[in-house]
Amino acid sequence: MLTHAIDGICRSEGPKVLAGLIRRFGDFELAEDALQDAFAKALALWPSQGLPDAPAAWLTTVARRRAVDLLRRRASGPVYTDEPPDLAAPEADDEEPDPARHSGLDDDRLRLVFTCCHPAIAQPAQMALALRTLCGLSTREIARAFLEPEATTAQRLVRVQRKILDARIPYEVPSRELLPERLQAVLGVVYLVFNEGYASTEHDGLVRPDLGAEAIRLARLLVELMPTEPEVRGLLALMLLHDARRPARVDPTGALVPLEAQDRSRWQHGAIAEGLAELDIALAQRRRGPYQLQAAIGALHAQARRAEDTDWKQIAALYGGLLAEQPGAVVELNAAVALAMAEGPERGLAWIDRLEQADELRDYHLLPAARADLLRRLGRPAEAALAYASALALVRSPAERRYLERRLAECHG
């Protein structure tokens, strides 16, 4: 049980510690190696000696000492003593600031976002590096998210870390005149962090609240940095509106609860109010963008007191606008579901048929899951069961798997 708790601490605190190490040493590979050694030492010592009062500070102290030793080894040979730090009193210089007390933009993880999103780095490498450094995902987890061999992901990460070092890409928030050229990439990375927290790739539970909170914190810093950019506020509004539903998204058995079945009294109405206010400010600037459109869809869901009160016609229309701004197969799938809810399952099924023929989403479990749901609504359980089985063959999240298994059992029953 304690080992599981230690693993949770390392996952939640690791990205913060790693960002500080990268700032201090300027070397991604060195920082990762030092942090992994700190994790190993925590697993060796904490079960017998107890958890330190400040785990992040303890990990930072050990990792910094290890990084210095690794640098000395490179220069003059092995000198590492393997002596653990004092559990009760981490070095004052190594204390990491509490994110809740952060003021201004002197923030290691915001610097890390901008470093990941430097124009010299290709988008797939940006995303992989963000999942590694900001989300703490392993190479295997990132490979599964990209649907590629683990060796390919490992090579991608090594290349991008080496590029940052060799090209001397600065670890900083750039000057204001350079912000616009990185805006879309930065927003994409922050939303990637949020999505990993909202529907975790391989975590035992559906959500990782630490990542959701971190993405929202970063978005608030971006609003402070770029207050006149409506898409920044649109992204913040979108994440607040989605995160507000988190308490109702999983049932006591750990299974996903679909939106229409959620207990809306459990939604976080303070977060909804904040999200709606941010969206109003963004829309008042009259520069529409995809994050604002997605936030507007989220707002319609949030404002419906009951599932049957949802304005699906307006949601379908907003998805039409989103497709114009951001065409893609996943957006089309969501638009097809919205059309089905607005005009009947048959319309949505026809669109899903076209998406299946295009074959872009052949490994995406939500495509057969959406088909199964529409077939179930039409009273065609045998066909729905086949589609649910196809979705189960692709799904990775345990919470979503439990939900799909229940639906499949209902079809057979």
Protein backbone atom coordinates (compact mmCIF):
# COMPACT_ATOMS: atom_id res chain seq x y z
CA MET A 1 0.00 0.00 0.00
CA LEU A 2 2.84 2.40 0.90
CA THR A 3 4.61 1.55 -2.36
CA HIS A 4 1.45 2.58 -4.24
CA ALA A 5 1.36 5.86 -2.28
CA ILE A 6 5.03 6.51 -3.09
CA ASP A 7 4.36 5.86 -6.77
CA GLY A 8 1.49 8.37 -6.63
CA ILE A 9 3.73 11.00 -5.00
CA CYS A 10 6.42 10.47 -7.62
CA ARG A 11 3.87 10.81 -10.42
CA SER A 12 2.27 13.95 -9.03
CA GLU A 13 5.44 15.71 -7.84
CA GLY A 14 7.79 14.47 -10.57
CA PRO A 15 6.91 16.97 -13.33
CA LYS A 16 7.35 19.92 -10.96
CA VAL A 17 10.73 18.63 -9.75
CA LEU A 18 11.84 17.83 -13.32
CA ALA A 19 11.02 21.35 -14.52
CA GLY A 20 13.19 22.80 -11.77
CA LEU A 21 16.05 20.44 -12.61
CA ILE A 22 15.90 21.36 -16.31
CA ARG A 23 16.01 25.06 -15.41
CA ARG A 24 19.00 24.51 -13.12
CA PHE A 25 21.09 22.23 -15.35
CA GLY A 26 19.79 22.98 -18.87
CA ASP A 27 19.96 19.31 -19.87
CA PHE A 28 16.77 17.24 -20.26
CA GLU A 29 18.56 13.88 -20.27
CA LEU A 30 20.64 14.70 -17.20
CA ALA A 31 17.55 15.95 -15.34
CA GLU A 32 15.57 12.81 -16.18
CA ASP A 33 18.41 10.49 -15.15
CA ALA A 34 18.87 12.31 -11.85
CA LEU A 35 15.15 12.27 -11.10
CA GLN A 36 14.88 8.55 -11.86
CA ASP A 37 17.70 7.92 -9.39
CA ALA A 38 15.84 10.02 -6.81
CA PHE A 39 12.68 7.97 -7.40
CA ALA A 40 14.67 4.74 -6.93
CA LYS A 41 16.13 6.03 -3.67
CA ALA A 42 12.67 7.05 -2.43
CA LEU A 43 11.36 3.53 -3.11
CA ALA A 44 14.34 2.09 -1.21
CA LEU A 45 14.20 4.39 1.82
CA TRP A 46 10.68 5.68 2.39
CA PRO A 47 9.02 2.31 3.18
CA SER A 48 11.39 1.80 6.16
CA GLN A 49 12.10 5.40 7.21
CA GLY A 50 8.69 6.92 6.52
CA LEU A 51 7.53 9.64 4.14
CA PRO A 52 9.32 12.98 4.48
CA ASP A 53 7.33 16.06 5.46
CA ALA A 54 8.06 17.63 2.07
CA PRO A 55 8.39 14.88 -0.57
CA ALA A 56 8.98 17.29 -3.47
CA ALA A 57 11.81 19.03 -1.61
CA TRP A 58 13.34 15.64 -0.68
CA LEU A 59 13.21 14.46 -4.30
CA THR A 60 14.65 17.77 -5.50
CA THR A 61 17.54 17.60 -3.04
CA VAL A 62 18.47 14.03 -4.00
CA ALA A 63 18.05 14.66 -7.73
CA ARG A 64 20.15 17.84 -7.67
CA ARG A 65 22.95 16.11 -5.79
CA ARG A 66 22.80 13.21 -8.22
CA ALA A 67 22.89 15.57 -11.22
CA VAL A 68 26.00 17.28 -9.84
CA ASP A 69 27.63 13.88 -9.32
CA LEU A 70 26.76 12.83 -12.88
CA LEU A 71 28.31 16.05 -14.22
CA ARG A 72 31.48 15.41 -12.18
CA ARG A 73 31.62 11.86 -13.54
CA ARG A 74 31.54 13.21 -17.06
CA ALA A 75 34.45 15.50 -16.22
CA SER A 76 36.70 13.40 -14.01
CA GLY A 77 35.33 9.94 -13.23
CA PRO A 78 33.04 8.43 -10.57
CA VAL A 79 32.64 10.25 -7.26
CA TYR A 80 29.07 9.40 -6.27
CA THR A 81 28.77 8.60 -2.54
CA ASP A 82 25.15 7.37 -2.53
CA GLU A 83 24.52 9.10 0.81
CA PRO A 84 20.79 9.86 1.36
CA PRO A 85 19.70 13.33 2.46
CA ASP A 86 18.30 14.10 5.90
CA LEU A 87 14.61 13.14 5.70
CA ALA A 88 13.58 15.68 8.29
CA ALA A 89 15.37 18.73 6.93
CA PRO A 90 15.72 19.20 3.17
CA GLU A 91 18.14 21.90 2.12
CA ALA A 92 16.48 25.31 2.25
CA ASP A 93 17.95 26.19 -1.12
CA ASP A 94 16.24 23.15 -2.63
CA GLU A 95 12.71 23.94 -1.43
CA GLU A 96 10.36 24.20 -4.40
CA PRO A 97 7.83 27.07 -4.26
CA ASP A 98 4.24 26.12 -3.70
CA PRO A 99 2.36 26.64 -7.02
CA ALA A 100 -0.55 28.12 -5.08
CA ARG A 101 1.74 30.94 -3.88
CA HIS A 102 3.12 31.70 -7.34
CA SER A 103 2.68 35.28 -8.44
CA GLY A 104 3.89 36.67 -11.72
CA LEU A 105 5.31 34.54 -14.50
CA ASP A 106 8.54 33.25 -12.97
CA ASP A 107 7.31 29.69 -13.31
CA ASP A 108 9.45 26.69 -14.24
CA ARG A 109 6.66 24.69 -15.86
CA LEU A 110 5.46 27.63 -17.95
CA ARG A 111 9.04 27.98 -19.20
CA LEU A 112 9.00 24.28 -19.96
CA VAL A 113 5.81 24.63 -22.04
CA PHE A 114 7.42 27.35 -24.16
CA THR A 115 10.61 25.31 -24.52
CA CYS A 116 8.62 22.31 -25.75
CA CYS A 117 6.84 24.59 -28.23
CA HIS A 118 9.88 26.28 -29.77
CA PRO A 119 9.35 26.72 -33.56
CA ALA A 120 12.48 24.65 -34.27
CA ILE A 121 10.78 21.56 -32.79
CA ALA A 122 8.31 19.57 -34.93
CA GLN A 123 4.79 19.20 -33.56
CA PRO A 124 4.90 15.42 -32.83
CA ALA A 125 8.12 15.95 -30.88
CA GLN A 126 6.54 18.88 -28.99
CA MET A 127 3.64 16.67 -27.92
CA ALA A 128 5.85 13.72 -26.97
CA LEU A 129 8.16 15.94 -24.93
CA ALA A 130 5.20 17.56 -23.17
CA LEU A 131 3.72 14.17 -22.26
CA ARG A 132 7.10 13.11 -20.88
CA THR A 133 8.08 16.24 -18.95
CA LEU A 134 4.76 17.85 -17.98
CA CYS A 135 2.66 14.69 -17.51
CA GLY A 136 5.37 12.31 -16.36
CA LEU A 137 4.34 9.58 -18.82
CA SER A 138 6.74 6.75 -19.54
CA THR A 139 8.08 6.06 -23.03
CA ARG A 140 5.71 3.07 -23.28
CA GLU A 141 2.69 5.20 -22.35
CA ILE A 142 3.60 7.89 -24.88
CA ALA A 143 4.10 5.25 -27.57
CA ARG A 144 0.61 3.89 -26.91
CA ALA A 145 -0.83 7.41 -27.10
CA PHE A 146 0.88 7.91 -30.48
CA LEU A 147 0.02 4.38 -31.65
CA GLU A 148 3.65 3.73 -32.57
CA PRO A 149 6.43 1.31 -31.49
CA GLU A 150 8.13 2.15 -28.19
CA ALA A 151 11.53 2.30 -29.92
CA THR A 152 10.23 5.01 -32.28
CA THR A 153 9.03 7.11 -29.34
CA ALA A 154 12.32 6.63 -27.50
CA GLN A 155 14.28 7.82 -30.55
CA ARG A 156 11.96 10.81 -30.96
CA LEU A 157 12.52 11.86 -27.33
CA VAL A 158 16.29 11.45 -27.52
CA ARG A 159 16.45 13.50 -30.75
CA VAL A 160 14.34 16.37 -29.44
CA GLN A 161 16.24 16.57 -26.15
CA ARG A 162 19.53 16.58 -28.04
CA LYS A 163 18.22 19.28 -30.40
CA ILE A 164 17.30 21.53 -27.48
CA LEU A 165 20.79 21.09 -26.03
CA ASP A 166 22.75 21.44 -29.27
CA ALA A 167 20.70 24.35 -30.64
CA ARG A 168 20.83 26.09 -27.25
CA ILE A 169 17.08 26.59 -27.26
CA PRO A 170 16.50 28.90 -24.28
CA TYR A 171 14.54 27.72 -21.28
CA GLU A 172 12.39 30.82 -20.95
CA VAL A 173 9.10 32.54 -21.68
CA PRO A 174 9.93 34.50 -24.85
CA SER A 175 9.54 38.26 -25.26
CA ARG A 176 6.03 39.52 -26.01
CA GLU A 177 6.67 40.08 -29.72
CA LEU A 178 7.52 36.37 -30.10
CA LEU A 179 4.49 35.08 -28.19
CA PRO A 180 2.02 34.97 -31.14
CA GLU A 181 4.17 32.57 -33.21
CA ARG A 182 4.07 30.00 -30.39
CA LEU A 183 0.52 30.60 -29.19
CA GLN A 184 -1.25 27.71 -30.95
CA ALA A 185 1.46 25.21 -30.04
CA VAL A 186 1.46 26.35 -26.40
CA LEU A 187 -2.32 26.11 -26.15
CA GLY A 188 -2.19 22.67 -27.76
CA VAL A 189 0.36 21.42 -25.22
CA VAL A 190 -1.59 22.80 -22.24
CA TYR A 191 -4.77 21.15 -23.55
CA LEU A 192 -2.82 17.91 -24.07
CA VAL A 193 -1.83 17.98 -20.38
CA PHE A 194 -5.46 18.60 -19.41
CA ASN A 195 -6.76 15.76 -21.59
CA GLU A 196 -4.28 13.33 -20.06
CA GLY A 197 -5.72 14.31 -16.70
CA TYR A 198 -9.34 14.23 -17.90
CA ALA A 199 -9.14 10.81 -19.58
CA SER A 200 -5.85 9.27 -18.54
CA THR A 201 -4.11 6.99 -21.04
CA GLU A 202 -3.09 4.24 -18.62
CA HIS A 203 -3.79 5.47 -15.10
CA ASP A 204 -5.85 3.15 -12.89
CA GLY A 205 -8.63 5.74 -12.65
CA LEU A 206 -10.26 7.70 -15.44
CA VAL A 207 -8.95 11.04 -14.23
CA ARG A 208 -5.72 12.44 -12.85
CA PRO A 209 -6.83 15.57 -10.96
CA ASP A 210 -3.21 16.73 -10.52
CA LEU A 211 -2.76 17.12 -14.28
CA GLY A 212 -6.13 18.82 -14.73
CA ALA A 213 -5.29 21.32 -11.99
CA GLU A 214 -1.84 21.92 -13.45
CA ALA A 215 -3.23 22.62 -16.95
CA ILE A 216 -5.76 25.08 -15.52
CA ARG A 217 -3.02 26.77 -13.48
CA LEU A 218 -0.87 27.14 -16.61
CA ALA A 219 -3.83 28.54 -18.54
CA ARG A 220 -4.41 31.17 -15.86
CA LEU A 221 -0.74 32.20 -16.16
CA LEU A 222 -1.18 32.43 -19.94
CA VAL A 223 -4.23 34.68 -19.47
CA GLU A 224 -2.04 36.92 -17.31
CA LEU A 225 0.66 36.86 -19.98
CA MET A 226 -1.69 37.40 -22.96
CA PRO A 227 -4.92 38.98 -21.61
CA THR A 228 -6.11 40.19 -25.02
CA GLU A 229 -5.87 36.79 -26.75
CA PRO A 230 -9.43 35.37 -26.79
CA GLU A 231 -8.30 31.82 -27.52
CA VAL A 232 -6.29 31.76 -24.28
CA ARG A 233 -9.43 32.60 -22.31
CA GLY A 234 -11.38 30.19 -24.50
CA LEU A 235 -9.05 27.35 -23.52
CA LEU A 236 -9.27 28.27 -19.83
CA ALA A 237 -13.08 28.35 -20.07
CA LEU A 238 -13.16 25.00 -21.88
CA MET A 239 -11.03 23.28 -19.25
CA LEU A 240 -12.96 24.79 -16.33
CA LEU A 241 -16.29 23.67 -17.81
CA HIS A 242 -15.03 20.14 -18.42
CA ASP A 243 -13.25 19.84 -15.09
CA ALA A 244 -16.41 20.95 -13.29
CA ARG A 245 -17.99 17.61 -14.24
CA ARG A 246 -15.14 15.54 -12.78
CA PRO A 247 -16.85 14.55 -9.47
CA ALA A 248 -19.73 12.93 -11.39
CA ARG A 249 -17.79 11.17 -14.16
CA VAL A 250 -16.99 7.91 -12.34
CA ASP A 251 -19.32 5.72 -10.27
CA PRO A 252 -18.38 3.94 -6.99
CA THR A 253 -17.15 0.88 -8.93
CA GLY A 254 -14.75 3.00 -10.99
CA ALA A 255 -16.79 2.83 -14.21
CA LEU A 256 -17.29 5.82 -16.49
CA VAL A 257 -20.63 7.61 -16.11
CA PRO A 258 -21.71 9.10 -19.47
CA LEU A 259 -22.69 12.76 -19.57
CA GLU A 260 -26.43 12.11 -19.87
CA ALA A 261 -26.44 9.92 -16.73
CA GLN A 262 -24.33 12.15 -14.49
CA ASP A 263 -25.71 13.59 -11.26
CA ARG A 264 -25.53 17.28 -12.15
CA SER A 265 -25.87 18.34 -8.52
CA ARG A 266 -22.32 17.00 -8.06
CA TRP A 267 -20.88 19.28 -10.73
CA GLN A 268 -18.65 22.07 -9.42
CA HIS A 269 -20.85 25.08 -10.03
CA GLY A 270 -18.19 27.59 -8.98
CA ALA A 271 -15.93 26.33 -11.77
CA ILE A 272 -18.86 26.50 -14.20
CA ALA A 273 -19.52 30.13 -13.27
CA GLU A 274 -15.84 31.00 -13.74
CA GLY A 275 -15.73 29.19 -17.08
CA LEU A 276 -18.83 31.00 -18.35
CA ALA A 277 -17.37 34.36 -17.28
CA GLU A 278 -14.07 33.67 -19.09
CA LEU A 279 -15.98 32.61 -22.20
CA ASP A 280 -18.03 35.82 -22.16
CA ILE A 281 -14.84 37.91 -22.04
CA ALA A 282 -13.34 35.90 -24.92
CA LEU A 283 -16.44 36.11 -27.13
CA ALA A 284 -16.73 39.87 -26.54
CA GLN A 285 -13.42 40.31 -28.40
CA ARG A 286 -15.11 39.00 -31.58
CA ARG A 287 -12.20 36.86 -32.78
CA ARG A 288 -13.64 33.37 -32.91
CA GLY A 289 -11.44 30.31 -32.58
CA PRO A 290 -11.70 26.56 -31.97
CA TYR A 291 -11.20 26.71 -28.21
CA GLN A 292 -13.96 29.28 -27.86
CA LEU A 293 -16.28 27.13 -29.94
CA GLN A 294 -15.52 24.05 -27.84
CA ALA A 295 -16.05 26.10 -24.68
CA ALA A 296 -19.41 27.29 -26.05
CA ILE A 297 -20.41 23.64 -26.52
CA GLY A 298 -19.31 22.91 -22.97
CA ALA A 299 -21.31 25.89 -21.75
CA LEU A 300 -24.52 24.54 -23.32
CA HIS A 301 -24.00 21.24 -21.52
CA ALA A 302 -23.20 23.02 -18.26
CA GLN A 303 -26.30 25.23 -18.41
CA ALA A 304 -28.73 22.36 -19.04
CA ARG A 305 -30.30 21.40 -15.69
CA ARG A 306 -31.26 17.98 -17.03
CA ALA A 307 -29.82 15.93 -19.87
CA GLU A 308 -33.10 16.21 -21.79
CA ASP A 309 -32.87 20.03 -21.62
CA THR A 310 -29.63 20.07 -23.64
CA ASP A 311 -29.84 22.29 -26.74
CA TRP A 312 -28.51 19.71 -29.19
CA LYS A 313 -29.46 21.74 -32.28
CA GLN A 314 -27.26 24.58 -31.12
CA ILE A 315 -24.47 22.15 -30.23
CA ALA A 316 -24.69 20.57 -33.69
CA ALA A 317 -24.45 24.05 -35.24
CA LEU A 318 -21.39 24.88 -33.13
CA TYR A 319 -19.73 21.64 -34.26
CA GLY A 320 -20.33 22.80 -37.83
CA GLY A 321 -18.40 25.96 -37.02
CA LEU A 322 -15.68 23.97 -35.30
CA LEU A 323 -15.27 21.75 -38.37
CA ALA A 324 -14.75 24.86 -40.48
CA GLU A 325 -12.08 26.12 -38.06
CA GLN A 326 -10.44 22.81 -37.20
CA PRO A 327 -11.33 20.02 -39.64
CA GLY A 328 -10.49 16.51 -38.51
CA ALA A 329 -11.92 13.03 -38.09
CA VAL A 330 -12.34 13.26 -34.29
CA VAL A 331 -14.24 16.53 -34.60
CA GLU A 332 -16.39 14.92 -37.29
CA LEU A 333 -17.20 12.03 -34.97
CA ASN A 334 -18.33 14.42 -32.24
CA ALA A 335 -20.34 16.36 -34.80
CA ALA A 336 -21.99 13.13 -35.96
CA VAL A 337 -23.05 12.31 -32.40
CA ALA A 338 -24.42 15.83 -31.93
CA LEU A 339 -26.37 15.53 -35.18
CA ALA A 340 -27.78 12.21 -34.02
CA MET A 341 -28.95 13.78 -30.77
CA ALA A 342 -30.45 16.74 -32.59
CA GLU A 343 -32.09 15.01 -35.59
CA GLY A 344 -32.20 11.28 -34.81
CA PRO A 345 -29.74 8.36 -34.57
CA GLU A 346 -30.07 7.45 -38.26
CA ARG A 347 -28.48 10.76 -39.34
CA GLY A 348 -25.55 10.21 -37.02
CA LEU A 349 -25.09 6.59 -38.10
CA ALA A 350 -24.89 7.59 -41.75
CA TRP A 351 -22.08 10.03 -40.91
CA ILE A 352 -20.27 7.41 -38.81
CA ASP A 353 -20.51 4.98 -41.76
CA ARG A 354 -18.62 7.50 -43.88
CA LEU A 355 -15.98 7.92 -41.17
CA GLU A 356 -15.49 4.16 -40.96
CA GLN A 357 -15.00 3.94 -44.71
CA ALA A 358 -12.38 6.71 -44.56
CA ASP A 359 -10.46 4.49 -42.07
CA GLU A 360 -8.74 7.41 -40.26
CA LEU A 361 -10.14 6.32 -36.89
CA ARG A 362 -9.66 2.57 -37.21
CA ASP A 363 -7.78 2.39 -33.88
CA TYR A 364 -9.96 4.93 -32.03
CA HIS A 365 -12.27 3.13 -29.61
CA LEU A 366 -14.80 5.96 -29.47
CA LEU A 367 -15.81 5.38 -33.11
CA PRO A 368 -17.32 1.88 -32.55
CA ALA A 369 -18.50 3.04 -29.10
CA ALA A 370 -20.49 5.88 -30.69
CA ARG A 371 -21.91 3.51 -33.30
CA ALA A 372 -22.89 1.06 -30.55
CA ASP A 373 -24.66 3.77 -28.56
CA LEU A 374 -26.72 4.93 -31.55
CA LEU A 375 -27.65 1.34 -32.44
CA ARG A 376 -28.71 0.78 -28.82
CA ARG A 377 -30.94 3.87 -28.97
CA LEU A 378 -32.52 2.49 -32.15
CA GLY A 379 -33.36 -0.79 -30.42
CA ARG A 380 -30.90 -2.93 -32.41
CA PRO A 381 -29.07 -4.78 -29.58
CA ALA A 382 -27.39 -7.49 -31.66
CA GLU A 383 -25.65 -4.93 -33.89
CA ALA A 384 -24.89 -2.74 -30.88
CA ALA A 385 -23.23 -5.71 -29.15
CA LEU A 386 -20.87 -6.22 -32.09
CA ALA A 387 -19.91 -2.54 -32.00
CA TYR A 388 -19.38 -2.58 -28.23
CA ALA A 389 -17.13 -5.62 -28.64
CA SER A 390 -15.10 -3.73 -31.27
CA ALA A 391 -14.72 -0.78 -28.89
CA LEU A 392 -13.61 -3.09 -26.08
CA ALA A 393 -10.88 -4.49 -28.29
CA LEU A 394 -9.40 -0.98 -28.61
CA VAL A 395 -10.08 0.74 -25.28
CA ARG A 396 -7.24 1.21 -22.76
CA SER A 397 -8.85 3.09 -19.87
CA PRO A 398 -10.13 0.71 -17.14
CA ALA A 399 -13.03 3.08 -16.34
CA GLU A 400 -14.18 3.18 -19.96
CA ARG A 401 -13.72 -0.59 -20.23
CA ARG A 402 -16.06 -1.18 -17.28
CA TYR A 403 -18.69 1.07 -18.85
CA LEU A 404 -18.47 -0.67 -22.23
CA GLU A 405 -18.64 -4.11 -20.61
CA ARG A 406 -21.87 -3.09 -18.86
CA ARG A 407 -23.39 -1.88 -22.09
CA LEU A 408 -22.37 -5.09 -23.84
CA ALA A 409 -23.96 -7.14 -21.05
CA GLU A 410 -27.18 -5.12 -21.39
CA CYS A 411 -27.28 -5.94 -25.12
CA HIS A 412 -26.90 -9.65 -24.40
CA GLY A 413 -29.39 -9.48 -21.55
